[in-house]
Amino acid sequence: MSTTTEIGIREIERFVFQEARYADEHDYDAWEALWTDDATYWVPVDGEGGDPLTTMSIIFDNRNRITTRLNQLRTGKRYSQAPRSTLRRIVGNVELLGSTDNGDLVVGANFILLESRESKNETLGGRCTYHLRPSGEGFKLAHKKVVLVGNDKPVTSVGFIL
């Protein structure tokens, strides 16, 4: 991989699509391997969210909490995922938005997530913002923010990876 100014949108899309596929297929080991050691995963409540340290969030995980969440899912005993949901997401409108002061690429994408459970089907949609850190193998995920459409209303249990 070259410098960040030479990175093509296709490489970025490939990473974003791969991250979504790992989540859809419950490949928790591969999904976890995408994250940096200082990563954060944030799903705000009520719009874009303010400061996740001082406002309510649906999810606000640091790297250790991401591992804990995945370990719970790996057991197969997480109530909200017994039996496990069938998931498929469509990701589009992937665009490079800029970069952070430390060189992470800021990427935006829209998504529609279809979840099938024993009793019902659910559709969620929203916008993800990713901070992708170039690494020797491609990218690592330093931050993921998921803004759900309608996050100002009650959200049903989210026992899977957004």
C-alpha atoms as a PDB file:
ATOM      1  CA  MET A   1       0.000   0.000   0.000  1.00  0.00           C
ATOM      2  CA  SER A   2       1.185   3.495  -0.804  1.00  0.00           C
ATOM      3  CA  THR A   3       0.773   6.743   1.053  1.00  0.00           C
ATOM      4  CA  THR A   4      -2.706   7.884   2.026  1.00  0.00           C
ATOM      5  CA  THR A   5      -2.823  10.321  -0.896  1.00  0.00           C
ATOM      6  CA  GLU A   6      -2.428   7.392  -3.315  1.00  0.00           C
ATOM      7  CA  ILE A   7      -5.005   5.085  -1.763  1.00  0.00           C
ATOM      8  CA  GLY A   8      -7.862   4.378  -4.116  1.00  0.00           C
ATOM      9  CA  ILE A   9     -11.527   4.354  -3.219  1.00  0.00           C
ATOM     10  CA  ARG A  10     -11.679   0.688  -4.289  1.00  0.00           C
ATOM     11  CA  GLU A  11      -9.276  -0.325  -1.504  1.00  0.00           C
ATOM     12  CA  ILE A  12     -11.403   1.606   0.978  1.00  0.00           C
ATOM     13  CA  GLU A  13     -14.622   0.038  -0.348  1.00  0.00           C
ATOM     14  CA  ARG A  14     -13.071  -3.424  -0.188  1.00  0.00           C
ATOM     15  CA  PHE A  15     -12.293  -2.916   3.505  1.00  0.00           C
ATOM     16  CA  VAL A  16     -15.760  -1.516   4.322  1.00  0.00           C
ATOM     17  CA  PHE A  17     -17.506  -4.340   2.437  1.00  0.00           C
ATOM     18  CA  GLN A  18     -15.309  -6.948   4.129  1.00  0.00           C
ATOM     19  CA  GLU A  19     -16.066  -5.521   7.579  1.00  0.00           C
ATOM     20  CA  ALA A  20     -19.800  -5.736   6.829  1.00  0.00           C
ATOM     21  CA  ARG A  21     -19.490  -9.319   5.552  1.00  0.00           C
ATOM     22  CA  TYR A  22     -17.634 -10.454   8.673  1.00  0.00           C
ATOM     23  CA  ALA A  23     -20.391  -8.957  10.838  1.00  0.00           C
ATOM     24  CA  ASP A  24     -23.168 -10.473   8.707  1.00  0.00           C
ATOM     25  CA  GLU A  25     -21.588 -13.916   8.790  1.00  0.00           C
ATOM     26  CA  HIS A  26     -20.868 -13.775  12.548  1.00  0.00           C
ATOM     27  CA  ASP A  27     -17.151 -14.202  11.836  1.00  0.00           C
ATOM     28  CA  TYR A  28     -16.231 -12.623  15.160  1.00  0.00           C
ATOM     29  CA  ASP A  29     -12.540 -13.532  15.010  1.00  0.00           C
ATOM     30  CA  ALA A  30     -12.048 -11.894  11.623  1.00  0.00           C
ATOM     31  CA  TRP A  31     -14.182  -8.887  12.612  1.00  0.00           C
ATOM     32  CA  GLU A  32     -12.241  -8.404  15.846  1.00  0.00           C
ATOM     33  CA  ALA A  33      -8.919  -8.630  14.007  1.00  0.00           C
ATOM     34  CA  LEU A  34      -9.866  -5.520  11.995  1.00  0.00           C
ATOM     35  CA  TRP A  35      -9.718  -3.215  15.044  1.00  0.00           C
ATOM     36  CA  THR A  36      -6.780  -1.222  16.396  1.00  0.00           C
ATOM     37  CA  ASP A  37      -5.821  -1.510  20.075  1.00  0.00           C
ATOM     38  CA  ASP A  38      -7.142   2.022  20.758  1.00  0.00           C
ATOM     39  CA  ALA A  39     -10.405   1.585  18.831  1.00  0.00           C
ATOM     40  CA  THR A  40     -13.846   2.944  19.702  1.00  0.00           C
ATOM     41  CA  TYR A  41     -17.244   1.759  18.483  1.00  0.00           C
ATOM     42  CA  TRP A  42     -20.118   4.231  18.923  1.00  0.00           C
ATOM     43  CA  VAL A  43     -23.843   4.117  18.201  1.00  0.00           C
ATOM     44  CA  PRO A  44     -25.329   7.409  19.443  1.00  0.00           C
ATOM     45  CA  VAL A  45     -28.884   8.121  20.527  1.00  0.00           C
ATOM     46  CA  ASP A  46     -30.930  11.022  19.172  1.00  0.00           C
ATOM     47  CA  GLY A  47     -29.259  12.259  16.036  1.00  0.00           C
ATOM     48  CA  GLU A  48     -25.540  12.558  15.454  1.00  0.00           C
ATOM     49  CA  GLY A  49     -24.805  12.398  19.176  1.00  0.00           C
ATOM     50  CA  GLY A  50     -22.856  14.822  21.283  1.00  0.00           C
ATOM     51  CA  ASP A  51     -19.905  13.796  23.377  1.00  0.00           C
ATOM     52  CA  PRO A  52     -20.187  10.022  23.960  1.00  0.00           C
ATOM     53  CA  LEU A  53     -18.429  10.454  27.311  1.00  0.00           C
ATOM     54  CA  THR A  54     -21.207  12.685  28.649  1.00  0.00           C
ATOM     55  CA  THR A  55     -24.351  11.694  26.719  1.00  0.00           C
ATOM     56  CA  MET A  56     -26.426   8.531  26.425  1.00  0.00           C
ATOM     57  CA  SER A  57     -25.465   6.084  23.682  1.00  0.00           C
ATOM     58  CA  ILE A  58     -26.898   2.838  22.374  1.00  0.00           C
ATOM     59  CA  ILE A  59     -23.313   1.539  22.280  1.00  0.00           C
ATOM     60  CA  PHE A  60     -20.062   3.211  23.209  1.00  0.00           C
ATOM     61  CA  ASP A  61     -17.300   0.622  23.444  1.00  0.00           C
ATOM     62  CA  ASN A  62     -13.565   0.887  23.774  1.00  0.00           C
ATOM     63  CA  ARG A  63     -11.342  -1.946  22.528  1.00  0.00           C
ATOM     64  CA  ASN A  64     -11.728  -4.022  25.704  1.00  0.00           C
ATOM     65  CA  ARG A  65     -15.511  -3.706  25.606  1.00  0.00           C
ATOM     66  CA  ILE A  66     -15.542  -4.729  21.921  1.00  0.00           C
ATOM     67  CA  THR A  67     -13.732  -7.931  22.934  1.00  0.00           C
ATOM     68  CA  THR A  68     -16.172  -8.512  25.809  1.00  0.00           C
ATOM     69  CA  ARG A  69     -19.158  -8.017  23.483  1.00  0.00           C
ATOM     70  CA  LEU A  70     -17.695 -10.495  20.983  1.00  0.00           C
ATOM     71  CA  ASN A  71     -16.901 -13.041  23.693  1.00  0.00           C
ATOM     72  CA  GLN A  72     -20.555 -12.908  24.785  1.00  0.00           C
ATOM     73  CA  LEU A  73     -21.675 -13.510  21.199  1.00  0.00           C
ATOM     74  CA  ARG A  74     -19.174 -16.366  20.780  1.00  0.00           C
ATOM     75  CA  THR A  75     -20.708 -18.308  23.678  1.00  0.00           C
ATOM     76  CA  GLY A  76     -23.964 -18.752  21.793  1.00  0.00           C
ATOM     77  CA  LYS A  77     -25.747 -18.008  25.064  1.00  0.00           C
ATOM     78  CA  ARG A  78     -26.458 -14.319  24.585  1.00  0.00           C
ATOM     79  CA  TYR A  79     -30.227 -14.190  25.024  1.00  0.00           C
ATOM     80  CA  SER A  80     -30.827 -11.621  22.299  1.00  0.00           C
ATOM     81  CA  GLN A  81     -28.971 -13.856  19.836  1.00  0.00           C
ATOM     82  CA  ALA A  82     -30.331 -17.291  20.747  1.00  0.00           C
ATOM     83  CA  PRO A  83     -30.924 -18.425  18.106  1.00  0.00           C
ATOM     84  CA  ARG A  84     -28.575 -16.249  16.126  1.00  0.00           C
ATOM     85  CA  SER A  85     -30.041 -13.712  13.685  1.00  0.00           C
ATOM     86  CA  THR A  86     -29.535 -14.035   9.969  1.00  0.00           C
ATOM     87  CA  LEU A  87     -28.073 -10.722   8.828  1.00  0.00           C
ATOM     88  CA  ARG A  88     -27.397  -9.076   5.495  1.00  0.00           C
ATOM     89  CA  ARG A  89     -26.434  -5.495   4.910  1.00  0.00           C
ATOM     90  CA  ILE A  90     -26.167  -3.436   1.793  1.00  0.00           C
ATOM     91  CA  VAL A  91     -23.437  -0.817   1.990  1.00  0.00           C
ATOM     92  CA  GLY A  92     -23.203   2.037  -0.472  1.00  0.00           C
ATOM     93  CA  ASN A  93     -22.313   5.665  -1.047  1.00  0.00           C
ATOM     94  CA  VAL A  94     -18.798   4.974   0.249  1.00  0.00           C
ATOM     95  CA  GLU A  95     -16.734   8.134   0.178  1.00  0.00           C
ATOM     96  CA  LEU A  96     -13.439   9.393   1.499  1.00  0.00           C
ATOM     97  CA  LEU A  97     -14.286  12.416   3.657  1.00  0.00           C
ATOM     98  CA  GLY A  98     -10.787  13.435   4.743  1.00  0.00           C
ATOM     99  CA  SER A  99      -8.271  12.458   7.369  1.00  0.00           C
ATOM    100  CA  THR A 100      -7.630  12.984  11.059  1.00  0.00           C
ATOM    101  CA  ASP A 101      -4.615  14.753  12.539  1.00  0.00           C
ATOM    102  CA  ASN A 102      -2.949  11.381  13.164  1.00  0.00           C
ATOM    103  CA  GLY A 103      -3.396  10.234   9.547  1.00  0.00           C
ATOM    104  CA  ASP A 104      -6.475   8.004   9.861  1.00  0.00           C
ATOM    105  CA  LEU A 105      -8.711   8.170   6.805  1.00  0.00           C
ATOM    106  CA  VAL A 106     -12.261   9.331   7.539  1.00  0.00           C
ATOM    107  CA  VAL A 107     -14.724   7.375   5.431  1.00  0.00           C
ATOM    108  CA  GLY A 108     -18.512   7.614   5.251  1.00  0.00           C
ATOM    109  CA  ALA A 109     -21.011   5.031   3.986  1.00  0.00           C
ATOM    110  CA  ASN A 110     -24.738   4.420   4.096  1.00  0.00           C
ATOM    111  CA  PHE A 111     -26.196   1.028   4.936  1.00  0.00           C
ATOM    112  CA  ILE A 112     -29.400  -0.957   5.102  1.00  0.00           C
ATOM    113  CA  LEU A 113     -29.343  -3.937   7.462  1.00  0.00           C
ATOM    114  CA  LEU A 114     -31.830  -6.783   7.179  1.00  0.00           C
ATOM    115  CA  GLU A 115     -32.224  -9.009  10.233  1.00  0.00           C
ATOM    116  CA  SER A 116     -34.254 -12.201  10.255  1.00  0.00           C
ATOM    117  CA  ARG A 117     -35.222 -13.811  13.553  1.00  0.00           C
ATOM    118  CA  GLU A 118     -37.550 -16.654  14.414  1.00  0.00           C
ATOM    119  CA  SER A 119     -40.442 -14.304  15.121  1.00  0.00           C
ATOM    120  CA  LYS A 120     -39.871 -11.358  12.772  1.00  0.00           C
ATOM    121  CA  ASN A 121     -37.820  -9.534  10.212  1.00  0.00           C
ATOM    122  CA  GLU A 122     -36.376  -6.115  10.933  1.00  0.00           C
ATOM    123  CA  THR A 123     -34.834  -3.447   8.719  1.00  0.00           C
ATOM    124  CA  LEU A 124     -32.411  -0.853  10.043  1.00  0.00           C
ATOM    125  CA  GLY A 125     -30.632   1.818   8.086  1.00  0.00           C
ATOM    126  CA  GLY A 126     -28.159   4.539   8.764  1.00  0.00           C
ATOM    127  CA  ARG A 127     -24.791   6.089   8.126  1.00  0.00           C
ATOM    128  CA  CYS A 128     -21.415   4.839   9.288  1.00  0.00           C
ATOM    129  CA  THR A 129     -18.321   6.915   9.744  1.00  0.00           C
ATOM    130  CA  TYR A 130     -15.093   4.950   9.865  1.00  0.00           C
ATOM    131  CA  HIS A 131     -11.594   6.020  10.834  1.00  0.00           C
ATOM    132  CA  LEU A 132      -9.317   3.695   8.889  1.00  0.00           C
ATOM    133  CA  ARG A 133      -5.685   3.505   9.862  1.00  0.00           C
ATOM    134  CA  PRO A 134      -3.351   2.461   7.057  1.00  0.00           C
ATOM    135  CA  SER A 135      -1.270  -0.557   8.063  1.00  0.00           C
ATOM    136  CA  GLY A 136       1.077  -2.952   6.351  1.00  0.00           C
ATOM    137  CA  GLU A 137      -1.802  -5.302   5.473  1.00  0.00           C
ATOM    138  CA  GLY A 138      -4.244  -2.636   4.323  1.00  0.00           C
ATOM    139  CA  PHE A 139      -6.291  -0.913   7.025  1.00  0.00           C
ATOM    140  CA  LYS A 140      -7.212  -1.268  10.661  1.00  0.00           C
ATOM    141  CA  LEU A 141     -10.430   0.122  12.085  1.00  0.00           C
ATOM    142  CA  ALA A 142      -9.683   2.803  14.689  1.00  0.00           C
ATOM    143  CA  HIS A 143     -13.226   4.149  15.093  1.00  0.00           C
ATOM    144  CA  LYS A 144     -16.692   3.267  13.866  1.00  0.00           C
ATOM    145  CA  LYS A 145     -19.722   5.465  14.440  1.00  0.00           C
ATOM    146  CA  VAL A 146     -23.142   4.164  13.407  1.00  0.00           C
ATOM    147  CA  VAL A 147     -25.941   6.737  13.244  1.00  0.00           C
ATOM    148  CA  LEU A 148     -29.211   4.861  12.874  1.00  0.00           C
ATOM    149  CA  VAL A 149     -32.135   6.431  11.044  1.00  0.00           C
ATOM    150  CA  GLY A 150     -34.784   7.090  13.681  1.00  0.00           C
ATOM    151  CA  ASN A 151     -32.392   6.826  16.621  1.00  0.00           C
ATOM    152  CA  ASP A 152     -34.546   9.405  18.409  1.00  0.00           C
ATOM    153  CA  LYS A 153     -37.150   6.674  18.892  1.00  0.00           C
ATOM    154  CA  PRO A 154     -36.913   3.509  21.020  1.00  0.00           C
ATOM    155  CA  VAL A 155     -34.500   1.008  19.487  1.00  0.00           C
ATOM    156  CA  THR A 156     -35.252  -2.682  19.779  1.00  0.00           C
ATOM    157  CA  SER A 157     -32.586  -4.920  21.217  1.00  0.00           C
ATOM    158  CA  VAL A 158     -29.411  -4.769  19.163  1.00  0.00           C
ATOM    159  CA  GLY A 159     -27.727  -8.024  20.115  1.00  0.00           C
ATOM    160  CA  PHE A 160     -25.608  -8.228  16.985  1.00  0.00           C
ATOM    161  CA  ILE A 161     -22.873  -6.124  15.448  1.00  0.00           C
ATOM    162  CA  LEU A 162     -23.997  -2.991  13.634  1.00  0.00           C
END
